[in-house]
Amino acid sequence: MSRLSLTTRVSLANAAEGWTDDQFLNFKVMDSDQSMDYSDEVKNVKGEDGRGYLELFKKYAKENFVDGKVLVDGKTVEAEIDDVDDLPAAILTDIFYAISRSKFSDPKASTK
């Protein structure tokens, strides 16, 4: 368990009608062990198996979920880990990118 507070916020603004910057999810950034685990697991996903990738994205999003706010019946409420299951594929992909490939881990990223 790392003592570093490496988290990232994913905005849910425009996820659907009525969603704003008031709705978001916070996640821990994947550590090196999780990155290696993902590398091992993704080898079992065949080519263009979108469902397989999304299931992995969802798994890691849930493992790294911290907290957030979501819209339920027109009201902003505390997010729950199982809310991840209801997110569209595009948002799951954004979350996975945010928790796995920060500018610090991307060798092509600017260091400025």
Protein backbone atom coordinates (compact mmCIF):
# COMPACT_ATOMS: atom_id res chain seq x y z
CA MET A 1 0.00 0.00 0.00
CA SER A 2 1.51 3.27 -1.12
CA ARG A 3 1.58 6.25 1.19
CA LEU A 4 1.38 8.56 -1.84
CA SER A 5 -1.96 10.22 -2.58
CA LEU A 6 -2.08 9.63 -6.32
CA THR A 7 -5.66 10.19 -7.40
CA THR A 8 -7.37 11.52 -10.47
CA ARG A 9 -10.79 13.05 -11.02
CA VAL A 10 -12.92 12.12 -14.02
CA SER A 11 -15.62 14.64 -14.86
CA LEU A 12 -19.03 13.30 -15.78
CA ALA A 13 -20.09 16.63 -17.29
CA ASN A 14 -22.17 16.04 -20.42
CA ALA A 15 -22.40 12.29 -19.77
CA ALA A 16 -26.10 12.79 -20.42
CA GLU A 17 -28.70 15.53 -20.27
CA GLY A 18 -28.37 17.50 -17.02
CA TRP A 19 -24.93 16.21 -16.02
CA THR A 20 -22.46 19.00 -15.14
CA ASP A 21 -19.05 19.47 -13.54
CA ASP A 22 -20.83 18.87 -10.22
CA GLN A 23 -20.82 15.17 -11.14
CA PHE A 24 -17.46 13.39 -11.12
CA LEU A 25 -15.65 10.29 -9.92
CA ASN A 26 -12.30 10.09 -8.11
CA PHE A 27 -9.94 7.15 -8.55
CA LYS A 28 -6.56 6.05 -7.28
CA VAL A 29 -4.00 5.93 -10.08
CA MET A 30 -2.88 2.39 -10.93
CA ASP A 31 0.40 1.48 -9.27
CA SER A 32 3.14 -0.47 -11.04
CA ASP A 33 1.88 -3.83 -9.74
CA GLN A 34 -1.62 -3.16 -11.10
CA SER A 35 -0.14 -2.07 -14.43
CA MET A 36 1.75 -5.35 -14.68
CA ASP A 37 -1.36 -7.32 -13.68
CA TYR A 38 -3.33 -5.55 -16.41
CA SER A 39 -0.59 -6.35 -18.94
CA ASP A 40 -0.90 -10.02 -18.03
CA GLU A 41 -4.71 -10.03 -18.13
CA VAL A 42 -5.06 -8.16 -21.41
CA LYS A 43 -3.12 -10.95 -23.16
CA ASN A 44 -6.22 -13.12 -22.69
CA VAL A 45 -8.41 -10.65 -24.58
CA LYS A 46 -8.64 -11.63 -28.23
CA GLY A 47 -8.08 -8.96 -30.89
CA GLU A 48 -11.15 -6.77 -31.23
CA ASP A 49 -13.01 -8.17 -28.22
CA GLY A 50 -14.53 -4.89 -27.04
CA ARG A 51 -16.49 -6.59 -24.27
CA GLY A 52 -13.31 -8.16 -22.90
CA TYR A 53 -11.52 -4.82 -22.77
CA LEU A 54 -14.51 -3.09 -21.16
CA GLU A 55 -14.74 -5.77 -18.48
CA LEU A 56 -11.08 -5.18 -17.64
CA PHE A 57 -11.59 -1.41 -17.65
CA LYS A 58 -14.57 -1.83 -15.30
CA LYS A 59 -12.62 -4.16 -13.01
CA TYR A 60 -9.77 -1.68 -12.57
CA ALA A 61 -12.12 1.29 -12.25
CA LYS A 62 -13.92 -0.47 -9.39
CA GLU A 63 -10.68 -1.54 -7.72
CA ASN A 64 -9.45 2.07 -7.78
CA PHE A 65 -12.72 3.85 -7.00
CA VAL A 66 -12.41 6.44 -4.21
CA ASP A 67 -15.58 8.56 -4.25
CA GLY A 68 -17.52 11.07 -6.29
CA LYS A 69 -20.89 12.59 -7.06
CA VAL A 70 -23.48 11.32 -9.53
CA LEU A 71 -26.93 12.38 -10.66
CA VAL A 72 -29.81 10.19 -9.44
CA ASP A 73 -33.41 11.23 -10.08
CA GLY A 74 -32.27 14.79 -10.79
CA LYS A 75 -30.30 15.12 -7.55
CA THR A 76 -26.53 15.07 -7.04
CA VAL A 77 -25.68 12.32 -4.54
CA GLU A 78 -22.62 10.46 -3.29
CA ALA A 79 -21.35 7.96 -5.85
CA GLU A 80 -21.23 4.27 -4.98
CA ILE A 81 -18.75 1.77 -6.36
CA ASP A 82 -21.51 -0.11 -8.20
CA ASP A 83 -22.35 3.06 -10.16
CA VAL A 84 -19.34 2.13 -12.31
CA ASP A 85 -21.40 -0.77 -13.70
CA ASP A 86 -23.92 1.67 -15.20
CA LEU A 87 -21.44 3.90 -17.04
CA PRO A 88 -21.33 4.01 -20.84
CA ALA A 89 -18.36 2.39 -22.60
CA ALA A 90 -16.85 5.74 -23.60
CA ILE A 91 -16.69 6.90 -19.97
CA LEU A 92 -15.21 3.58 -18.81
CA THR A 93 -12.53 4.00 -21.46
CA ASP A 94 -11.81 7.56 -20.28
CA ILE A 95 -11.56 6.37 -16.69
CA PHE A 96 -9.17 3.59 -17.60
CA TYR A 97 -6.98 5.98 -19.58
CA ALA A 98 -6.96 8.43 -16.65
CA ILE A 99 -5.97 5.85 -14.03
CA SER A 100 -3.43 3.98 -16.17
CA ARG A 101 -1.65 6.50 -18.41
CA SER A 102 -1.02 9.76 -16.65
CA LYS A 103 1.44 12.26 -18.07
CA PHE A 104 3.97 10.87 -15.61
CA SER A 105 3.88 7.38 -17.09
CA ASP A 106 3.68 8.37 -20.76
CA PRO A 107 7.24 8.48 -22.15
CA LYS A 108 6.10 10.82 -24.96
CA ALA A 109 4.61 13.36 -22.54
CA SER A 110 6.12 16.74 -21.95
CA THR A 111 8.05 17.15 -18.70
CA LYS A 112 7.15 20.84 -18.43
